[in-house]
Amino acid sequence: MRHQLLLVISFILCPKVLLLDEPLVSLDPIIINDTKKNLVTYAKQGNIVIISTHIISIAQQISDEILILSNGKLIMFKNCLDSQNFEKYVIENI
């Protein structure tokens, strides 16, 4: 519940840059779906949303660009592949 409250407060405060660490952890599937939609909408309104996650599919579903930290190096990916191909591409190229 605390996690959900912090997400709601983040949207209410409406910062130009929103930095979230694993924002979808411990949420139920309906809230996860709503939160992903809200994050995409928030970014389309001219805000910057930076998300830290270990789940490639979440990053792929809601991001334009994805940075992956691997062996101390940052690797940037443009999000232009479907989810199955993207996950395979990331795994093969890191």
PDB file of N, CA and C in Angstrom:
ATOM      1  N   MET A   1       0.819  -1.199   0.000  1.00  0.00           N
ATOM      2  CA  MET A   1       0.000   0.000   0.000  1.00  0.00           C
ATOM      3  C   MET A   1       0.862   1.262   0.000  1.00  0.00           C
ATOM      4  N   ARG A   2       1.957   1.236   0.768  1.00  0.00           N
ATOM      5  CA  ARG A   2       2.841   2.398   0.829  1.00  0.00           C
ATOM      6  C   ARG A   2       3.427   2.712  -0.551  1.00  0.00           C
ATOM      7  N   HIS A   3       3.779   1.648  -1.273  1.00  0.00           N
ATOM      8  CA  HIS A   3       4.347   1.795  -2.606  1.00  0.00           C
ATOM      9  C   HIS A   3       3.361   2.512  -3.539  1.00  0.00           C
ATOM     10  N   GLN A   4       2.097   2.109  -3.482  1.00  0.00           N
ATOM     11  CA  GLN A   4       1.064   2.741  -4.299  1.00  0.00           C
ATOM     12  C   GLN A   4       0.886   4.207  -3.922  1.00  0.00           C
ATOM     13  N   LEU A   5       0.910   4.497  -2.640  1.00  0.00           N
ATOM     14  CA  LEU A   5       0.755   5.869  -2.166  1.00  0.00           C
ATOM     15  C   LEU A   5       1.890   6.756  -2.682  1.00  0.00           C
ATOM     16  N   LEU A   6       3.115   6.236  -2.652  1.00  0.00           N
ATOM     17  CA  LEU A   6       4.249   7.010  -3.155  1.00  0.00           C
ATOM     18  C   LEU A   6       4.124   7.290  -4.655  1.00  0.00           C
ATOM     19  N   LEU A   7       3.608   6.328  -5.402  1.00  0.00           N
ATOM     20  CA  LEU A   7       3.385   6.553  -6.837  1.00  0.00           C
ATOM     21  C   LEU A   7       2.347   7.650  -7.066  1.00  0.00           C
ATOM     22  N   VAL A   8       1.258   7.596  -6.320  1.00  0.00           N
ATOM     23  CA  VAL A   8       0.200   8.614  -6.447  1.00  0.00           C
ATOM     24  C   VAL A   8       0.758   9.993  -6.102  1.00  0.00           C
ATOM     25  N   ILE A   9       1.518  10.085  -5.033  1.00  0.00           N
ATOM     26  CA  ILE A   9       2.112  11.369  -4.630  1.00  0.00           C
ATOM     27  C   ILE A   9       3.040  11.883  -5.729  1.00  0.00           C
ATOM     28  N   SER A  10       3.798  10.988  -6.345  1.00  0.00           N
ATOM     29  CA  SER A  10       4.694  11.392  -7.432  1.00  0.00           C
ATOM     30  C   SER A  10       3.926  12.057  -8.571  1.00  0.00           C
ATOM     31  N   PHE A  11       2.793  11.475  -8.940  1.00  0.00           N
ATOM     32  CA  PHE A  11       1.996  12.057 -10.023  1.00  0.00           C
ATOM     33  C   PHE A  11       1.337  13.370  -9.590  1.00  0.00           C
ATOM     34  N   ILE A  12       0.924  13.464  -8.343  1.00  0.00           N
ATOM     35  CA  ILE A  12       0.286  14.688  -7.849  1.00  0.00           C
ATOM     36  C   ILE A  12       1.272  15.851  -7.833  1.00  0.00           C
ATOM     37  N   LEU A  13       2.512  15.586  -7.418  1.00  0.00           N
ATOM     38  CA  LEU A  13       3.525  16.644  -7.355  1.00  0.00           C
ATOM     39  C   LEU A  13       3.948  17.116  -8.737  1.00  0.00           C
ATOM     40  N   CYS A  14       3.788  16.270  -9.729  1.00  0.00           N
ATOM     41  CA  CYS A  14       4.021  16.597 -11.138  1.00  0.00           C
ATOM     42  C   CYS A  14       5.406  17.193 -11.412  1.00  0.00           C
ATOM     43  N   PRO A  15       6.485  16.509 -11.009  1.00  0.00           N
ATOM     44  CA  PRO A  15       7.818  17.035 -11.318  1.00  0.00           C
ATOM     45  C   PRO A  15       8.133  16.879 -12.809  1.00  0.00           C
ATOM     46  N   LYS A  16       9.006  17.709 -13.335  1.00  0.00           N
ATOM     47  CA  LYS A  16       9.395  17.608 -14.741  1.00  0.00           C
ATOM     48  C   LYS A  16      10.217  16.345 -14.991  1.00  0.00           C
ATOM     49  N   VAL A  17      10.952  15.900 -13.963  1.00  0.00           N
ATOM     50  CA  VAL A  17      11.726  14.667 -14.052  1.00  0.00           C
ATOM     51  C   VAL A  17      11.262  13.746 -12.932  1.00  0.00           C
ATOM     52  N   LEU A  18      10.825  12.559 -13.307  1.00  0.00           N
ATOM     53  CA  LEU A  18      10.330  11.582 -12.344  1.00  0.00           C
ATOM     54  C   LEU A  18      11.281  10.388 -12.373  1.00  0.00           C
ATOM     55  N   LEU A  19      11.937  10.120 -11.257  1.00  0.00           N
ATOM     56  CA  LEU A  19      12.892   9.023 -11.139  1.00  0.00           C
ATOM     57  C   LEU A  19      12.298   7.964 -10.220  1.00  0.00           C
ATOM     58  N   LEU A  20      12.078   6.770 -10.774  1.00  0.00           N
ATOM     59  CA  LEU A  20      11.424   5.701 -10.027  1.00  0.00           C
ATOM     60  C   LEU A  20      12.282   4.436 -10.032  1.00  0.00           C
ATOM     61  N   ASP A  21      12.426   3.825  -8.871  1.00  0.00           N
ATOM     62  CA  ASP A  21      13.170   2.578  -8.739  1.00  0.00           C
ATOM     63  C   ASP A  21      12.180   1.435  -8.562  1.00  0.00           C
ATOM     64  N   GLU A  22      12.131   0.541  -9.544  1.00  0.00           N
ATOM     65  CA  GLU A  22      11.225  -0.608  -9.529  1.00  0.00           C
ATOM     66  C   GLU A  22       9.784  -0.198  -9.161  1.00  0.00           C
ATOM     67  N   PRO A  23       9.183   0.693  -9.946  1.00  0.00           N
ATOM     68  CA  PRO A  23       7.874   1.234  -9.572  1.00  0.00           C
ATOM     69  C   PRO A  23       6.716   0.245  -9.620  1.00  0.00           C
ATOM     70  N   LEU A  24       6.893  -0.886 -10.283  1.00  0.00           N
ATOM     71  CA  LEU A  24       5.775  -1.816 -10.443  1.00  0.00           C
ATOM     72  C   LEU A  24       5.870  -3.038  -9.537  1.00  0.00           C
ATOM     73  N   VAL A  25       6.902  -3.086  -8.723  1.00  0.00           N
ATOM     74  CA  VAL A  25       7.073  -4.207  -7.801  1.00  0.00           C
ATOM     75  C   VAL A  25       5.972  -4.178  -6.750  1.00  0.00           C
ATOM     76  N   SER A  26       5.463  -5.321  -6.431  1.00  0.00           N
ATOM     77  CA  SER A  26       4.453  -5.541  -5.387  1.00  0.00           C
ATOM     78  C   SER A  26       3.082  -4.937  -5.699  1.00  0.00           C
ATOM     79  N   LEU A  27       2.828  -4.646  -6.955  1.00  0.00           N
ATOM     80  CA  LEU A  27       1.507  -4.153  -7.341  1.00  0.00           C
ATOM     81  C   LEU A  27       0.720  -5.277  -8.005  1.00  0.00           C
ATOM     82  N   ASP A  28      -0.593  -5.218  -7.908  1.00  0.00           N
ATOM     83  CA  ASP A  28      -1.404  -6.233  -8.567  1.00  0.00           C
ATOM     84  C   ASP A  28      -1.477  -5.933 -10.068  1.00  0.00           C
ATOM     85  N   PRO A  29      -1.839  -6.922 -10.887  1.00  0.00           N
ATOM     86  CA  PRO A  29      -1.817  -6.756 -12.350  1.00  0.00           C
ATOM     87  C   PRO A  29      -2.640  -5.577 -12.875  1.00  0.00           C
ATOM     88  N   ILE A  30      -3.763  -5.290 -12.277  1.00  0.00           N
ATOM     89  CA  ILE A  30      -4.591  -4.165 -12.740  1.00  0.00           C
ATOM     90  C   ILE A  30      -3.884  -2.838 -12.466  1.00  0.00           C
ATOM     91  N   ILE A  31      -3.306  -2.700 -11.284  1.00  0.00           N
ATOM     92  CA  ILE A  31      -2.579  -1.468 -10.940  1.00  0.00           C
ATOM     93  C   ILE A  31      -1.324  -1.337 -11.790  1.00  0.00           C
ATOM     94  N   ILE A  32      -0.653  -2.460 -12.079  1.00  0.00           N
ATOM     95  CA  ILE A  32       0.526  -2.423 -12.949  1.00  0.00           C
ATOM     96  C   ILE A  32       0.145  -1.878 -14.314  1.00  0.00           C
ATOM     97  N   ASN A  33      -0.935  -2.383 -14.887  1.00  0.00           N
ATOM     98  CA  ASN A  33      -1.391  -1.930 -16.198  1.00  0.00           C
ATOM     99  C   ASN A  33      -1.730  -0.439 -16.175  1.00  0.00           C
ATOM    100  N   ASP A  34      -2.473  -0.005 -15.165  1.00  0.00           N
ATOM    101  CA  ASP A  34      -2.833   1.416 -15.045  1.00  0.00           C
ATOM    102  C   ASP A  34      -1.599   2.298 -14.857  1.00  0.00           C
ATOM    103  N   THR A  35      -0.652   1.834 -14.055  1.00  0.00           N
ATOM    104  CA  THR A  35       0.553   2.616 -13.790  1.00  0.00           C
ATOM    105  C   THR A  35       1.397   2.755 -15.045  1.00  0.00           C
ATOM    106  N   LYS A  36       1.529   1.683 -15.821  1.00  0.00           N
ATOM    107  CA  LYS A  36       2.280   1.770 -17.076  1.00  0.00           C
ATOM    108  C   LYS A  36       1.648   2.797 -18.007  1.00  0.00           C
ATOM    109  N   LYS A  37       0.328   2.754 -18.130  1.00  0.00           N
ATOM    110  CA  LYS A  37      -0.371   3.741 -18.976  1.00  0.00           C
ATOM    111  C   LYS A  37      -0.142   5.153 -18.463  1.00  0.00           C
ATOM    112  N   ASN A  38      -0.222   5.344 -17.145  1.00  0.00           N
ATOM    113  CA  ASN A  38      -0.017   6.670 -16.559  1.00  0.00           C
ATOM    114  C   ASN A  38       1.404   7.179 -16.784  1.00  0.00           C
ATOM    115  N   LEU A  39       2.390   6.302 -16.697  1.00  0.00           N
ATOM    116  CA  LEU A  39       3.779   6.710 -16.920  1.00  0.00           C
ATOM    117  C   LEU A  39       4.007   7.141 -18.369  1.00  0.00           C
ATOM    118  N   VAL A  40       3.431   6.392 -19.298  1.00  0.00           N
ATOM    119  CA  VAL A  40       3.557   6.745 -20.719  1.00  0.00           C
ATOM    120  C   VAL A  40       2.869   8.084 -20.987  1.00  0.00           C
ATOM    121  N   THR A  41       1.677   8.263 -20.468  1.00  0.00           N
ATOM    122  CA  THR A  41       0.946   9.519 -20.635  1.00  0.00           C
ATOM    123  C   THR A  41       1.722  10.680 -20.026  1.00  0.00           C
ATOM    124  N   TYR A  42       2.258  10.473 -18.850  1.00  0.00           N
ATOM    125  CA  TYR A  42       3.032  11.504 -18.151  1.00  0.00           C
ATOM    126  C   TYR A  42       4.238  11.933 -18.991  1.00  0.00           C
ATOM    127  N   ALA A  43       4.922  10.975 -19.592  1.00  0.00           N
ATOM    128  CA  ALA A  43       6.072  11.288 -20.436  1.00  0.00           C
ATOM    129  C   ALA A  43       5.647  12.035 -21.703  1.00  0.00           C
ATOM    130  N   LYS A  44       4.514  11.655 -22.274  1.00  0.00           N
ATOM    131  CA  LYS A  44       4.032  12.312 -23.495  1.00  0.00           C
ATOM    132  C   LYS A  44       3.607  13.758 -23.242  1.00  0.00           C
ATOM    133  N   GLN A  45       3.407  14.112 -21.980  1.00  0.00           N
ATOM    134  CA  GLN A  45       3.045  15.481 -21.625  1.00  0.00           C
ATOM    135  C   GLN A  45       4.286  16.371 -21.497  1.00  0.00           C
ATOM    136  N   GLY A  46       5.435  15.879 -21.922  1.00  0.00           N
ATOM    137  CA  GLY A  46       6.651  16.667 -21.906  1.00  0.00           C
ATOM    138  C   GLY A  46       7.528  16.458 -20.685  1.00  0.00           C
ATOM    139  N   ASN A  47       7.193  15.491 -19.872  1.00  0.00           N
ATOM    140  CA  ASN A  47       8.001  15.199 -18.689  1.00  0.00           C
ATOM    141  C   ASN A  47       9.001  14.089 -18.993  1.00  0.00           C
ATOM    142  N   ILE A  48      10.016  13.997 -18.169  1.00  0.00           N
ATOM    143  CA  ILE A  48      11.010  12.932 -18.303  1.00  0.00           C
ATOM    144  C   ILE A  48      10.743  11.903 -17.222  1.00  0.00           C
ATOM    145  N   VAL A  49      10.657  10.647 -17.628  1.00  0.00           N
ATOM    146  CA  VAL A  49      10.442   9.557 -16.683  1.00  0.00           C
ATOM    147  C   VAL A  49      11.629   8.605 -16.803  1.00  0.00           C
ATOM    148  N   ILE A  50      12.321   8.413 -15.700  1.00  0.00           N
ATOM    149  CA  ILE A  50      13.453   7.493 -15.650  1.00  0.00           C
ATOM    150  C   ILE A  50      13.077   6.376 -14.688  1.00  0.00           C
ATOM    151  N   ILE A  51      13.173   5.156 -15.179  1.00  0.00           N
ATOM    152  CA  ILE A  51      12.761   3.998 -14.382  1.00  0.00           C
ATOM    153  C   ILE A  51      13.925   3.020 -14.284  1.00  0.00           C
ATOM    154  N   SER A  52      14.161   2.535 -13.095  1.00  0.00           N
ATOM    155  CA  SER A  52      15.126   1.465 -12.868  1.00  0.00           C
ATOM    156  C   SER A  52      14.336   0.173 -12.691  1.00  0.00           C
ATOM    157  N   THR A  53      14.663  -0.842 -13.497  1.00  0.00           N
ATOM    158  CA  THR A  53      13.980  -2.129 -13.370  1.00  0.00           C
ATOM    159  C   THR A  53      14.900  -3.248 -13.831  1.00  0.00           C
ATOM    160  N   HIS A  54      14.657  -4.430 -13.314  1.00  0.00           N
ATOM    161  CA  HIS A  54      15.385  -5.619 -13.745  1.00  0.00           C
ATOM    162  C   HIS A  54      14.570  -6.423 -14.750  1.00  0.00           C
ATOM    163  N   ILE A  55      13.373  -5.970 -15.042  1.00  0.00           N
ATOM    164  CA  ILE A  55      12.465  -6.728 -15.902  1.00  0.00           C
ATOM    165  C   ILE A  55      12.455  -6.092 -17.300  1.00  0.00           C
ATOM    166  N   ILE A  56      13.097  -6.769 -18.243  1.00  0.00           N
ATOM    167  CA  ILE A  56      13.253  -6.237 -19.599  1.00  0.00           C
ATOM    168  C   ILE A  56      11.901  -5.944 -20.237  1.00  0.00           C
ATOM    169  N   SER A  57      10.915  -6.804 -20.023  1.00  0.00           N
ATOM    170  CA  SER A  57       9.617  -6.612 -20.668  1.00  0.00           C
ATOM    171  C   SER A  57       8.938  -5.321 -20.201  1.00  0.00           C
ATOM    172  N   ILE A  58       9.109  -4.952 -18.944  1.00  0.00           N
ATOM    173  CA  ILE A  58       8.527  -3.695 -18.454  1.00  0.00           C
ATOM    174  C   ILE A  58       9.208  -2.515 -19.135  1.00  0.00           C
ATOM    175  N   ALA A  59      10.514  -2.557 -19.199  1.00  0.00           N
ATOM    176  CA  ALA A  59      11.255  -1.473 -19.863  1.00  0.00           C
ATOM    177  C   ALA A  59      10.820  -1.354 -21.319  1.00  0.00           C
ATOM    178  N   GLN A  60      10.674  -2.481 -21.979  1.00  0.00           N
ATOM    179  CA  GLN A  60      10.300  -2.477 -23.389  1.00  0.00           C
ATOM    180  C   GLN A  60       8.893  -1.942 -23.607  1.00  0.00           C
ATOM    181  N   GLN A  61       7.985  -2.243 -22.707  1.00  0.00           N
ATOM    182  CA  GLN A  61       6.589  -1.843 -22.870  1.00  0.00           C
ATOM    183  C   GLN A  61       6.376  -0.347 -22.706  1.00  0.00           C
ATOM    184  N   ILE A  62       7.200   0.336 -21.916  1.00  0.00           N
ATOM    185  CA  ILE A  62       6.892   1.728 -21.598  1.00  0.00           C
ATOM    186  C   ILE A  62       7.996   2.723 -21.944  1.00  0.00           C
ATOM    187  N   SER A  63       9.073   2.264 -22.584  1.00  0.00           N
ATOM    188  CA  SER A  63      10.217   3.160 -22.802  1.00  0.00           C
ATOM    189  C   SER A  63      10.483   3.437 -24.268  1.00  0.00           C
ATOM    190  N   ASP A  64      11.006   4.629 -24.520  1.00  0.00           N
ATOM    191  CA  ASP A  64      11.497   4.965 -25.855  1.00  0.00           C
ATOM    192  C   ASP A  64      12.944   4.520 -26.013  1.00  0.00           C
ATOM    193  N   GLU A  65      13.719   4.737 -24.962  1.00  0.00           N
ATOM    194  CA  GLU A  65      15.127   4.370 -24.944  1.00  0.00           C
ATOM    195  C   GLU A  65      15.396   3.573 -23.676  1.00  0.00           C
ATOM    196  N   ILE A  66      16.283   2.608 -23.794  1.00  0.00           N
ATOM    197  CA  ILE A  66      16.592   1.746 -22.653  1.00  0.00           C
ATOM    198  C   ILE A  66      18.103   1.696 -22.482  1.00  0.00           C
ATOM    199  N   LEU A  67      18.553   1.956 -21.269  1.00  0.00           N
ATOM    200  CA  LEU A  67      19.962   1.823 -20.922  1.00  0.00           C
ATOM    201  C   LEU A  67      20.121   0.584 -20.061  1.00  0.00           C
ATOM    202  N   ILE A  68      21.108  -0.222 -20.400  1.00  0.00           N
ATOM    203  CA  ILE A  68      21.374  -1.420 -19.612  1.00  0.00           C
ATOM    204  C   ILE A  68      22.789  -1.322 -19.073  1.00  0.00           C
ATOM    205  N   LEU A  69      22.915  -1.533 -17.771  1.00  0.00           N
ATOM    206  CA  LEU A  69      24.214  -1.544 -17.117  1.00  0.00           C
ATOM    207  C   LEU A  69      24.705  -2.983 -17.099  1.00  0.00           C
ATOM    208  N   SER A  70      25.804  -3.237 -17.783  1.00  0.00           N
ATOM    209  CA  SER A  70      26.348  -4.587 -17.868  1.00  0.00           C
ATOM    210  C   SER A  70      27.862  -4.533 -17.721  1.00  0.00           C
ATOM    211  N   ASN A  71      28.369  -5.188 -16.710  1.00  0.00           N
ATOM    212  CA  ASN A  71      29.813  -5.233 -16.470  1.00  0.00           C
ATOM    213  C   ASN A  71      30.427  -3.836 -16.397  1.00  0.00           C
ATOM    214  N   GLY A  72      29.732  -2.922 -15.753  1.00  0.00           N
ATOM    215  CA  GLY A  72      30.242  -1.565 -15.566  1.00  0.00           C
ATOM    216  C   GLY A  72      30.104  -0.665 -16.782  1.00  0.00           C
ATOM    217  N   LYS A  73      29.457  -1.138 -17.831  1.00  0.00           N
ATOM    218  CA  LYS A  73      29.267  -0.342 -19.043  1.00  0.00           C
ATOM    219  C   LYS A  73      27.788  -0.097 -19.272  1.00  0.00           C
ATOM    220  N   LEU A  74      27.476   1.107 -19.756  1.00  0.00           N
ATOM    221  CA  LEU A  74      26.099   1.425 -20.132  1.00  0.00           C
ATOM    222  C   LEU A  74      25.913   1.159 -21.620  1.00  0.00           C
ATOM    223  N   ILE A  75      24.888   0.401 -21.933  1.00  0.00           N
ATOM    224  CA  ILE A  75      24.563   0.101 -23.322  1.00  0.00           C
ATOM    225  C   ILE A  75      23.179   0.670 -23.593  1.00  0.00           C
ATOM    226  N   MET A  76      23.076   1.488 -24.644  1.00  0.00           N
ATOM    227  CA  MET A  76      21.794   2.123 -24.958  1.00  0.00           C
ATOM    228  C   MET A  76      21.120   1.397 -26.113  1.00  0.00           C
ATOM    229  N   PHE A  77      19.826   1.171 -25.948  1.00  0.00           N
ATOM    230  CA  PHE A  77      19.011   0.546 -26.984  1.00  0.00           C
ATOM    231  C   PHE A  77      17.853   1.471 -27.311  1.00  0.00           C
ATOM    232  N   LYS A  78      17.580   1.654 -28.588  1.00  0.00           N
ATOM    233  CA  LYS A  78      16.335   2.280 -29.003  1.00  0.00           C
ATOM    234  C   LYS A  78      15.267   1.199 -28.943  1.00  0.00           C
ATOM    235  N   ASN A  79      14.117   1.543 -28.469  1.00  0.00           N
ATOM    236  CA  ASN A  79      13.037   0.568 -28.328  1.00  0.00           C
ATOM    237  C   ASN A  79      12.255   0.509 -29.636  1.00  0.00           C
ATOM    238  N   CYS A  80      12.724  -0.339 -30.549  1.00  0.00           N
ATOM    239  CA  CYS A  80      12.067  -0.403 -31.857  1.00  0.00           C
ATOM    240  C   CYS A  80      11.750  -1.836 -32.287  1.00  0.00           C
ATOM    241  N   LEU A  81      11.849  -2.781 -31.379  1.00  0.00           N
ATOM    242  CA  LEU A  81      11.543  -4.173 -31.702  1.00  0.00           C
ATOM    243  C   LEU A  81      10.348  -4.643 -30.878  1.00  0.00           C
ATOM    244  N   ASP A  82       9.673  -5.694 -31.336  1.00  0.00           N
ATOM    245  CA  ASP A  82       8.602  -6.266 -30.524  1.00  0.00           C
ATOM    246  C   ASP A  82       9.213  -6.932 -29.297  1.00  0.00           C
ATOM    247  N   SER A  83       8.396  -7.261 -28.317  1.00  0.00           N
ATOM    248  CA  SER A  83       8.904  -7.695 -27.012  1.00  0.00           C
ATOM    249  C   SER A  83       9.758  -8.954 -27.073  1.00  0.00           C
ATOM    250  N   GLN A  84       9.374  -9.961 -27.839  1.00  0.00           N
ATOM    251  CA  GLN A  84      10.175 -11.191 -27.909  1.00  0.00           C
ATOM    252  C   GLN A  84      11.524 -10.928 -28.557  1.00  0.00           C
ATOM    253  N   ASN A  85      11.529 -10.203 -29.666  1.00  0.00           N
ATOM    254  CA  ASN A  85      12.781  -9.913 -30.354  1.00  0.00           C
ATOM    255  C   ASN A  85      13.662  -8.980 -29.537  1.00  0.00           C
ATOM    256  N   PHE A  86      13.053  -8.032 -28.823  1.00  0.00           N
ATOM    257  CA  PHE A  86      13.832  -7.103 -28.023  1.00  0.00           C
ATOM    258  C   PHE A  86      14.561  -7.831 -26.897  1.00  0.00           C
ATOM    259  N   GLU A  87      13.842  -8.677 -26.176  1.00  0.00           N
ATOM    260  CA  GLU A  87      14.485  -9.412 -25.070  1.00  0.00           C
ATOM    261  C   GLU A  87      15.613 -10.286 -25.600  1.00  0.00           C
ATOM    262  N   LYS A  88      15.401 -10.967 -26.710  1.00  0.00           N
ATOM    263  CA  LYS A  88      16.438 -11.797 -27.319  1.00  0.00           C
ATOM    264  C   LYS A  88      17.622 -10.931 -27.745  1.00  0.00           C
ATOM    265  N   TYR A  89      17.354  -9.793 -28.364  1.00  0.00           N
ATOM    266  CA  TYR A  89      18.401  -8.885 -28.819  1.00  0.00           C
ATOM    267  C   TYR A  89      19.243  -8.394 -27.631  1.00  0.00           C
ATOM    268  N   VAL A  90      18.577  -8.010 -26.559  1.00  0.00           N
ATOM    269  CA  VAL A  90      19.291  -7.517 -25.377  1.00  0.00           C
ATOM    270  C   VAL A  90      20.165  -8.611 -24.794  1.00  0.00           C
ATOM    271  N   ILE A  91      19.614  -9.795 -24.628  1.00  0.00           N
ATOM    272  CA  ILE A  91      20.371 -10.905 -24.027  1.00  0.00           C
ATOM    273  C   ILE A  91      21.582 -11.261 -24.884  1.00  0.00           C
ATOM    274  N   GLU A  92      21.423 -11.248 -26.183  1.00  0.00           N
ATOM    275  CA  GLU A  92      22.526 -11.604 -27.083  1.00  0.00           C
ATOM    276  C   GLU A  92      23.583 -10.508 -27.207  1.00  0.00           C
ATOM    277  N   ASN A  93      23.222  -9.267 -26.880  1.00  0.00           N
ATOM    278  CA  ASN A  93      24.149  -8.152 -27.114  1.00  0.00           C
ATOM    279  C   ASN A  93      24.712  -7.524 -25.837  1.00  0.00           C
ATOM    280  N   ILE A  94      24.473  -8.115 -24.699  1.00  0.00           N
ATOM    281  CA  ILE A  94      25.091  -7.549 -23.485  1.00  0.00           C
ATOM    282  C   ILE A  94      26.225  -8.416 -22.997  1.00  0.00           C
TER     283      ILE A  94
END
